[in-house]
Amino acid sequence: MPREFPRSRRLEEAIQRVLGEALAGHVRDPRLAGVTVTGVSVSRDLSVARVYVALLSGDAFPEATLAALRSAAGFLRSTLARDLQIRMTPELRFFPDEALARSRALESLIEMAVRTDDQKHAGSAAGDEDDAGPAPDRSGPRT
């Protein structure tokens, strides 16, 4: 019977947990304040870990923060080696996670479309009230 999670996925989750705890409590660099680990993916041979990070504030990710992460990579890797006790600790490569920025952009586009649609229907409803019959029932199917 195959395992439910392959080793790489378990390792990714463990790396994310350990790095998140290390960044939250053990790293003293003020440039890393508010940095959170949003995801980790490891290579097939488990030698490289791509670590996706974002700022809790949701702001754009400054290059200085990436530089601080790169300078703290040795400390973070030694923390991984100590906590995970694996034969070979993967090399850490940090990348800004753009998912938060993309989701905020999509959210603003949706809100803008809803506002435009509401204005359009409000404008047409005001002009159609004189000759329109009763408003259609939009409460859904009746059971």
N, C-alpha and C. Protein backbone atom coordinates (compact mmCIF):
# COMPACT_ATOMS: atom_id res chain seq x y z
N MET A 1 0.84 -1.17 0.00
CA MET A 1 0.00 0.00 0.00
C MET A 1 0.90 1.25 0.00
N PRO A 2 0.72 2.16 -0.99
CA PRO A 2 1.57 3.35 -1.05
C PRO A 2 1.24 4.32 0.08
N ARG A 3 2.24 5.09 0.44
CA ARG A 3 2.04 6.10 1.48
C ARG A 3 1.15 7.21 0.94
N GLU A 4 0.45 7.82 1.85
CA GLU A 4 -0.45 8.88 1.44
C GLU A 4 0.32 10.13 0.98
N PHE A 5 1.41 10.46 1.67
CA PHE A 5 2.22 11.61 1.31
C PHE A 5 3.63 11.14 0.98
N PRO A 6 4.15 11.55 -0.16
CA PRO A 6 5.54 11.18 -0.45
C PRO A 6 6.49 11.91 0.49
N ARG A 7 7.69 11.41 0.55
CA ARG A 7 8.70 11.97 1.45
C ARG A 7 8.95 13.45 1.17
N SER A 8 8.96 13.82 -0.10
CA SER A 8 9.23 15.21 -0.43
C SER A 8 8.17 16.14 0.14
N ARG A 9 6.91 15.75 0.10
CA ARG A 9 5.85 16.60 0.64
C ARG A 9 5.98 16.73 2.16
N ARG A 10 6.28 15.63 2.82
CA ARG A 10 6.47 15.69 4.28
C ARG A 10 7.65 16.59 4.63
N LEU A 11 8.72 16.50 3.84
CA LEU A 11 9.89 17.34 4.07
C LEU A 11 9.55 18.82 3.83
N GLU A 12 8.79 19.10 2.78
CA GLU A 12 8.39 20.48 2.49
C GLU A 12 7.60 21.07 3.66
N GLU A 13 6.67 20.31 4.18
CA GLU A 13 5.86 20.79 5.30
C GLU A 13 6.72 21.00 6.55
N ALA A 14 7.65 20.09 6.79
CA ALA A 14 8.53 20.23 7.95
C ALA A 14 9.45 21.44 7.81
N ILE A 15 9.98 21.65 6.62
CA ILE A 15 10.85 22.82 6.38
C ILE A 15 10.06 24.10 6.58
N GLN A 16 8.84 24.15 6.07
CA GLN A 16 8.02 25.35 6.23
C GLN A 16 7.75 25.63 7.71
N ARG A 17 7.44 24.60 8.46
CA ARG A 17 7.17 24.77 9.89
C ARG A 17 8.41 25.27 10.63
N VAL A 18 9.56 24.62 10.41
CA VAL A 18 10.78 24.99 11.13
C VAL A 18 11.25 26.39 10.75
N LEU A 19 11.23 26.71 9.45
CA LEU A 19 11.66 28.05 9.03
C LEU A 19 10.71 29.13 9.55
N GLY A 20 9.42 28.84 9.56
CA GLY A 20 8.46 29.80 10.09
C GLY A 20 8.72 30.10 11.55
N GLU A 21 8.98 29.04 12.32
CA GLU A 21 9.27 29.23 13.74
C GLU A 21 10.59 29.98 13.93
N ALA A 22 11.59 29.66 13.12
CA ALA A 22 12.90 30.32 13.24
C ALA A 22 12.79 31.80 12.89
N LEU A 23 12.07 32.12 11.83
CA LEU A 23 11.92 33.53 11.44
C LEU A 23 11.10 34.31 12.47
N ALA A 24 10.15 33.65 13.08
CA ALA A 24 9.30 34.34 14.05
C ALA A 24 10.01 34.58 15.38
N GLY A 25 10.89 33.66 15.77
CA GLY A 25 11.43 33.79 17.11
C GLY A 25 12.93 33.83 17.28
N HIS A 26 13.70 33.34 16.31
CA HIS A 26 15.13 33.19 16.54
C HIS A 26 16.00 34.16 15.73
N VAL A 27 15.50 34.67 14.64
CA VAL A 27 16.28 35.58 13.80
C VAL A 27 16.07 36.99 14.32
N ARG A 28 17.14 37.69 14.59
CA ARG A 28 17.06 39.02 15.20
C ARG A 28 17.23 40.15 14.20
N ASP A 29 17.35 39.85 12.94
CA ASP A 29 17.55 40.89 11.92
C ASP A 29 16.25 41.69 11.76
N PRO A 30 16.29 43.00 11.98
CA PRO A 30 15.05 43.79 11.87
C PRO A 30 14.49 43.84 10.44
N ARG A 31 15.32 43.56 9.46
CA ARG A 31 14.83 43.54 8.07
C ARG A 31 13.90 42.37 7.83
N LEU A 32 13.93 41.37 8.71
CA LEU A 32 13.11 40.18 8.55
C LEU A 32 11.85 40.20 9.41
N ALA A 33 11.57 41.34 10.01
CA ALA A 33 10.36 41.46 10.83
C ALA A 33 9.13 41.36 9.92
N GLY A 34 8.20 40.53 10.27
CA GLY A 34 6.97 40.38 9.49
C GLY A 34 7.07 39.46 8.30
N VAL A 35 8.18 38.75 8.15
CA VAL A 35 8.34 37.82 7.03
C VAL A 35 7.74 36.48 7.43
N THR A 36 6.95 35.91 6.55
CA THR A 36 6.36 34.60 6.80
C THR A 36 6.64 33.67 5.63
N VAL A 37 6.78 32.40 5.93
CA VAL A 37 7.02 31.39 4.90
C VAL A 37 5.66 30.91 4.40
N THR A 38 5.38 31.11 3.12
CA THR A 38 4.08 30.72 2.58
C THR A 38 4.10 29.38 1.87
N GLY A 39 5.29 28.91 1.50
CA GLY A 39 5.37 27.62 0.83
C GLY A 39 6.80 27.20 0.62
N VAL A 40 6.97 25.90 0.44
CA VAL A 40 8.30 25.33 0.18
C VAL A 40 8.12 24.24 -0.86
N SER A 41 9.04 24.19 -1.80
CA SER A 41 9.08 23.06 -2.74
C SER A 41 10.52 22.58 -2.82
N VAL A 42 10.70 21.28 -2.78
CA VAL A 42 12.04 20.71 -2.82
C VAL A 42 12.26 20.04 -4.16
N SER A 43 13.52 19.99 -4.57
CA SER A 43 13.86 19.32 -5.82
C SER A 43 13.68 17.81 -5.65
N ARG A 44 13.72 17.11 -6.76
CA ARG A 44 13.49 15.66 -6.72
C ARG A 44 14.53 14.93 -5.87
N ASP A 45 15.77 15.43 -5.92
CA ASP A 45 16.82 14.78 -5.13
C ASP A 45 16.94 15.37 -3.73
N LEU A 46 16.03 16.27 -3.36
CA LEU A 46 15.94 16.89 -2.03
C LEU A 46 17.16 17.73 -1.67
N SER A 47 17.92 18.18 -2.67
CA SER A 47 19.12 18.95 -2.39
C SER A 47 18.88 20.46 -2.36
N VAL A 48 17.78 20.91 -2.95
CA VAL A 48 17.48 22.34 -3.01
C VAL A 48 16.03 22.55 -2.58
N ALA A 49 15.82 23.54 -1.73
CA ALA A 49 14.48 23.91 -1.29
C ALA A 49 14.19 25.33 -1.75
N ARG A 50 13.13 25.48 -2.52
CA ARG A 50 12.68 26.82 -2.92
C ARG A 50 11.70 27.27 -1.85
N VAL A 51 12.06 28.34 -1.15
CA VAL A 51 11.26 28.84 -0.04
C VAL A 51 10.55 30.11 -0.49
N TYR A 52 9.22 30.09 -0.45
CA TYR A 52 8.42 31.24 -0.86
C TYR A 52 8.02 32.01 0.38
N VAL A 53 8.33 33.31 0.38
CA VAL A 53 8.10 34.15 1.55
C VAL A 53 7.27 35.37 1.17
N ALA A 54 6.55 35.90 2.15
CA ALA A 54 5.75 37.10 1.96
C ALA A 54 5.80 37.91 3.24
N LEU A 55 5.46 39.18 3.12
CA LEU A 55 5.36 40.04 4.29
C LEU A 55 3.95 39.94 4.84
N LEU A 56 3.84 39.89 6.17
CA LEU A 56 2.53 39.81 6.79
C LEU A 56 1.67 41.02 6.46
N SER A 57 2.31 42.15 6.23
CA SER A 57 1.56 43.37 5.91
C SER A 57 0.98 43.32 4.50
N GLY A 58 1.49 42.42 3.66
CA GLY A 58 1.00 42.31 2.30
C GLY A 58 1.62 43.31 1.35
N ASP A 59 2.58 44.09 1.84
CA ASP A 59 3.25 45.08 0.99
C ASP A 59 4.14 44.38 -0.04
N ALA A 60 4.64 45.17 -0.97
CA ALA A 60 5.59 44.65 -1.95
C ALA A 60 6.84 44.17 -1.22
N PHE A 61 7.48 43.17 -1.77
CA PHE A 61 8.63 42.55 -1.11
C PHE A 61 9.90 43.29 -1.51
N PRO A 62 10.54 44.01 -0.56
CA PRO A 62 11.75 44.76 -0.91
C PRO A 62 12.96 43.84 -1.12
N GLU A 63 13.85 44.27 -1.96
CA GLU A 63 15.07 43.51 -2.25
C GLU A 63 15.94 43.38 -1.02
N ALA A 64 15.90 44.37 -0.12
CA ALA A 64 16.70 44.30 1.11
C ALA A 64 16.27 43.12 1.98
N THR A 65 14.99 42.79 1.96
CA THR A 65 14.50 41.66 2.75
C THR A 65 15.02 40.35 2.16
N LEU A 66 15.03 40.25 0.83
CA LEU A 66 15.59 39.05 0.19
C LEU A 66 17.08 38.93 0.50
N ALA A 67 17.78 40.06 0.49
CA ALA A 67 19.21 40.02 0.82
C ALA A 67 19.42 39.57 2.27
N ALA A 68 18.56 40.02 3.17
CA ALA A 68 18.66 39.60 4.57
C ALA A 68 18.38 38.11 4.71
N LEU A 69 17.42 37.60 3.95
CA LEU A 69 17.14 36.16 3.99
C LEU A 69 18.32 35.37 3.46
N ARG A 70 18.93 35.86 2.40
CA ARG A 70 20.09 35.16 1.84
C ARG A 70 21.25 35.16 2.82
N SER A 71 21.42 36.26 3.56
CA SER A 71 22.51 36.30 4.54
C SER A 71 22.21 35.42 5.75
N ALA A 72 20.94 35.20 6.04
CA ALA A 72 20.56 34.35 7.17
C ALA A 72 20.39 32.89 6.76
N ALA A 73 20.63 32.58 5.48
CA ALA A 73 20.40 31.22 4.99
C ALA A 73 21.25 30.18 5.71
N GLY A 74 22.47 30.51 6.04
CA GLY A 74 23.33 29.56 6.75
C GLY A 74 22.78 29.23 8.12
N PHE A 75 22.35 30.26 8.85
CA PHE A 75 21.76 30.03 10.17
C PHE A 75 20.48 29.21 10.05
N LEU A 76 19.65 29.57 9.09
CA LEU A 76 18.38 28.85 8.91
C LEU A 76 18.63 27.39 8.49
N ARG A 77 19.63 27.19 7.66
CA ARG A 77 19.95 25.82 7.24
C ARG A 77 20.46 24.99 8.41
N SER A 78 21.27 25.60 9.27
CA SER A 78 21.76 24.86 10.45
C SER A 78 20.61 24.57 11.41
N THR A 79 19.66 25.47 11.49
CA THR A 79 18.47 25.22 12.31
C THR A 79 17.68 24.04 11.76
N LEU A 80 17.56 23.99 10.43
CA LEU A 80 16.88 22.85 9.78
C LEU A 80 17.61 21.55 10.09
N ALA A 81 18.93 21.57 9.96
CA ALA A 81 19.72 20.35 10.18
C ALA A 81 19.55 19.86 11.62
N ARG A 82 19.51 20.77 12.56
CA ARG A 82 19.37 20.39 13.96
C ARG A 82 17.97 19.86 14.26
N ASP A 83 16.93 20.54 13.74
CA ASP A 83 15.56 20.18 14.08
C ASP A 83 15.03 18.99 13.29
N LEU A 84 15.45 18.85 12.04
CA LEU A 84 14.90 17.79 11.20
C LEU A 84 15.72 16.51 11.25
N GLN A 85 16.98 16.61 11.56
CA GLN A 85 17.88 15.47 11.63
C GLN A 85 17.79 14.59 10.37
N ILE A 86 18.05 15.23 9.24
CA ILE A 86 18.06 14.52 7.96
C ILE A 86 19.50 14.40 7.48
N ARG A 87 19.73 13.44 6.62
CA ARG A 87 21.09 13.16 6.16
C ARG A 87 21.70 14.35 5.45
N MET A 88 20.95 14.95 4.53
CA MET A 88 21.47 16.10 3.78
C MET A 88 20.45 17.23 3.88
N THR A 89 20.88 18.34 4.42
CA THR A 89 19.99 19.50 4.54
C THR A 89 19.99 20.25 3.21
N PRO A 90 18.82 20.54 2.67
CA PRO A 90 18.78 21.19 1.36
C PRO A 90 19.29 22.63 1.40
N GLU A 91 19.83 23.04 0.27
CA GLU A 91 20.23 24.43 0.09
C GLU A 91 18.95 25.27 0.02
N LEU A 92 18.94 26.41 0.69
CA LEU A 92 17.74 27.25 0.73
C LEU A 92 17.85 28.37 -0.29
N ARG A 93 16.84 28.47 -1.11
CA ARG A 93 16.73 29.57 -2.09
C ARG A 93 15.41 30.28 -1.84
N PHE A 94 15.47 31.59 -1.65
CA PHE A 94 14.30 32.36 -1.25
C PHE A 94 13.72 33.11 -2.45
N PHE A 95 12.38 33.10 -2.52
CA PHE A 95 11.66 33.77 -3.59
C PHE A 95 10.45 34.48 -2.99
N PRO A 96 10.16 35.69 -3.45
CA PRO A 96 8.95 36.37 -2.96
C PRO A 96 7.72 35.65 -3.49
N ASP A 97 6.74 35.48 -2.65
CA ASP A 97 5.49 34.84 -3.04
C ASP A 97 4.55 35.92 -3.55
N GLU A 98 4.23 35.86 -4.81
CA GLU A 98 3.40 36.87 -5.45
C GLU A 98 1.91 36.57 -5.33
N ALA A 99 1.56 35.47 -4.68
CA ALA A 99 0.15 35.07 -4.59
C ALA A 99 -0.69 36.10 -3.85
N LEU A 100 -0.17 36.67 -2.78
CA LEU A 100 -0.93 37.67 -2.03
C LEU A 100 -1.19 38.91 -2.88
N ALA A 101 -0.18 39.36 -3.60
CA ALA A 101 -0.35 40.54 -4.45
C ALA A 101 -1.34 40.25 -5.57
N ARG A 102 -1.24 39.05 -6.17
CA ARG A 102 -2.19 38.69 -7.24
C ARG A 102 -3.60 38.59 -6.70
N SER A 103 -3.77 38.03 -5.51
CA SER A 103 -5.12 37.90 -4.96
C SER A 103 -5.71 39.26 -4.63
N ARG A 104 -4.89 40.18 -4.14
CA ARG A 104 -5.39 41.53 -3.87
C ARG A 104 -5.78 42.24 -5.17
N ALA A 105 -4.99 42.05 -6.22
CA ALA A 105 -5.31 42.67 -7.50
C ALA A 105 -6.61 42.10 -8.06
N LEU A 106 -6.78 40.79 -7.97
CA LEU A 106 -8.02 40.17 -8.45
C LEU A 106 -9.22 40.64 -7.62
N GLU A 107 -9.03 40.75 -6.33
CA GLU A 107 -10.10 41.21 -5.45
C GLU A 107 -10.54 42.63 -5.82
N SER A 108 -9.57 43.50 -6.10
CA SER A 108 -9.93 44.87 -6.47
C SER A 108 -10.62 44.90 -7.83
N LEU A 109 -10.20 44.04 -8.76
CA LEU A 109 -10.88 43.98 -10.06
C LEU A 109 -12.32 43.50 -9.91
N ILE A 110 -12.53 42.51 -9.06
CA ILE A 110 -13.89 42.01 -8.84
C ILE A 110 -14.76 43.09 -8.20
N GLU A 111 -14.21 43.78 -7.19
CA GLU A 111 -14.98 44.86 -6.56
C GLU A 111 -15.33 45.95 -7.55
N MET A 112 -14.38 46.30 -8.43
CA MET A 112 -14.63 47.33 -9.43
C MET A 112 -15.72 46.87 -10.41
N ALA A 113 -15.68 45.60 -10.81
CA ALA A 113 -16.69 45.08 -11.72
C ALA A 113 -18.07 45.07 -11.06
N VAL A 114 -18.14 44.71 -9.80
CA VAL A 114 -19.42 44.70 -9.08
C VAL A 114 -19.97 46.12 -8.96
N ARG A 115 -19.10 47.08 -8.62
CA ARG A 115 -19.56 48.47 -8.51
C ARG A 115 -20.07 48.98 -9.86
N THR A 116 -19.33 48.68 -10.92
CA THR A 116 -19.74 49.12 -12.26
C THR A 116 -21.08 48.49 -12.63
N ASP A 117 -21.24 47.21 -12.33
CA ASP A 117 -22.49 46.51 -12.62
C ASP A 117 -23.64 47.09 -11.81
N ASP A 118 -23.40 47.38 -10.53
CA ASP A 118 -24.44 47.96 -9.69
C ASP A 118 -24.85 49.34 -10.20
N GLN A 119 -23.88 50.16 -10.60
CA GLN A 119 -24.19 51.48 -11.13
C GLN A 119 -24.97 51.38 -12.43
N LYS A 120 -24.60 50.42 -13.25
CA LYS A 120 -25.27 50.22 -14.53
C LYS A 120 -26.73 49.83 -14.32
N HIS A 121 -26.94 48.90 -13.39
CA HIS A 121 -28.31 48.45 -13.12
C HIS A 121 -29.11 49.51 -12.37
N ALA A 122 -28.46 50.27 -11.53
CA ALA A 122 -29.16 51.33 -10.80
C ALA A 122 -29.60 52.42 -11.78
N GLY A 123 -28.75 52.74 -12.74
CA GLY A 123 -29.08 53.75 -13.75
C GLY A 123 -30.18 53.30 -14.67
N SER A 124 -30.15 52.05 -15.09
CA SER A 124 -31.19 51.54 -15.98
C SER A 124 -32.49 51.29 -15.23
N ALA A 125 -32.43 50.95 -13.95
CA ALA A 125 -33.64 50.73 -13.16
C ALA A 125 -34.37 52.04 -12.92
N ALA A 126 -33.64 53.14 -12.75
CA ALA A 126 -34.26 54.44 -12.52
C ALA A 126 -34.99 54.90 -13.78
N GLY A 127 -34.46 54.63 -14.93
CA GLY A 127 -35.09 55.05 -16.18
C GLY A 127 -36.21 54.12 -16.61
N ASP A 128 -36.23 52.89 -16.18
CA ASP A 128 -37.22 51.91 -16.60
C ASP A 128 -38.39 51.78 -15.63
N GLU A 129 -38.41 52.52 -14.52
CA GLU A 129 -39.44 52.33 -13.52
C GLU A 129 -40.81 52.72 -14.03
N ASP A 130 -40.88 53.73 -14.91
CA ASP A 130 -42.17 54.23 -15.37
C ASP A 130 -42.93 53.19 -16.19
N ASP A 131 -42.26 52.50 -17.11
CA ASP A 131 -42.95 51.58 -18.00
C ASP A 131 -42.71 50.12 -17.66
N ALA A 132 -42.05 49.86 -16.57
CA ALA A 132 -41.75 48.47 -16.21
C ALA A 132 -42.84 47.93 -15.32
N GLY A 133 -43.06 46.64 -15.43
CA GLY A 133 -44.03 45.97 -14.57
C GLY A 133 -43.38 45.66 -13.24
N PRO A 134 -43.95 44.72 -12.51
CA PRO A 134 -43.36 44.35 -11.23
C PRO A 134 -41.97 43.75 -11.41
N ALA A 135 -41.14 43.95 -10.42
CA ALA A 135 -39.77 43.45 -10.49
C ALA A 135 -39.78 41.93 -10.47
N PRO A 136 -38.91 41.30 -11.27
CA PRO A 136 -38.87 39.84 -11.28
C PRO A 136 -38.35 39.31 -9.94
N ASP A 137 -38.84 38.12 -9.59
CA ASP A 137 -38.43 37.46 -8.34
C ASP A 137 -37.11 36.77 -8.58
N ARG A 138 -36.05 37.23 -7.91
CA ARG A 138 -34.71 36.66 -8.08
C ARG A 138 -34.26 35.91 -6.85
N SER A 139 -35.20 35.43 -6.08
CA SER A 139 -34.84 34.73 -4.85
C SER A 139 -34.43 33.30 -5.09
N GLY A 140 -34.52 32.83 -6.31
CA GLY A 140 -34.09 31.47 -6.61
C GLY A 140 -35.27 30.53 -6.82
N PRO A 141 -35.02 29.29 -7.12
CA PRO A 141 -36.09 28.34 -7.38
C PRO A 141 -36.88 28.06 -6.11
N ARG A 142 -38.15 27.85 -6.28
CA ARG A 142 -39.00 27.54 -5.15
C ARG A 142 -39.14 26.04 -5.04
N THR A 143 -39.11 25.59 -3.82
CA THR A 143 -39.25 24.14 -3.61
C THR A 143 -40.48 23.82 -2.82
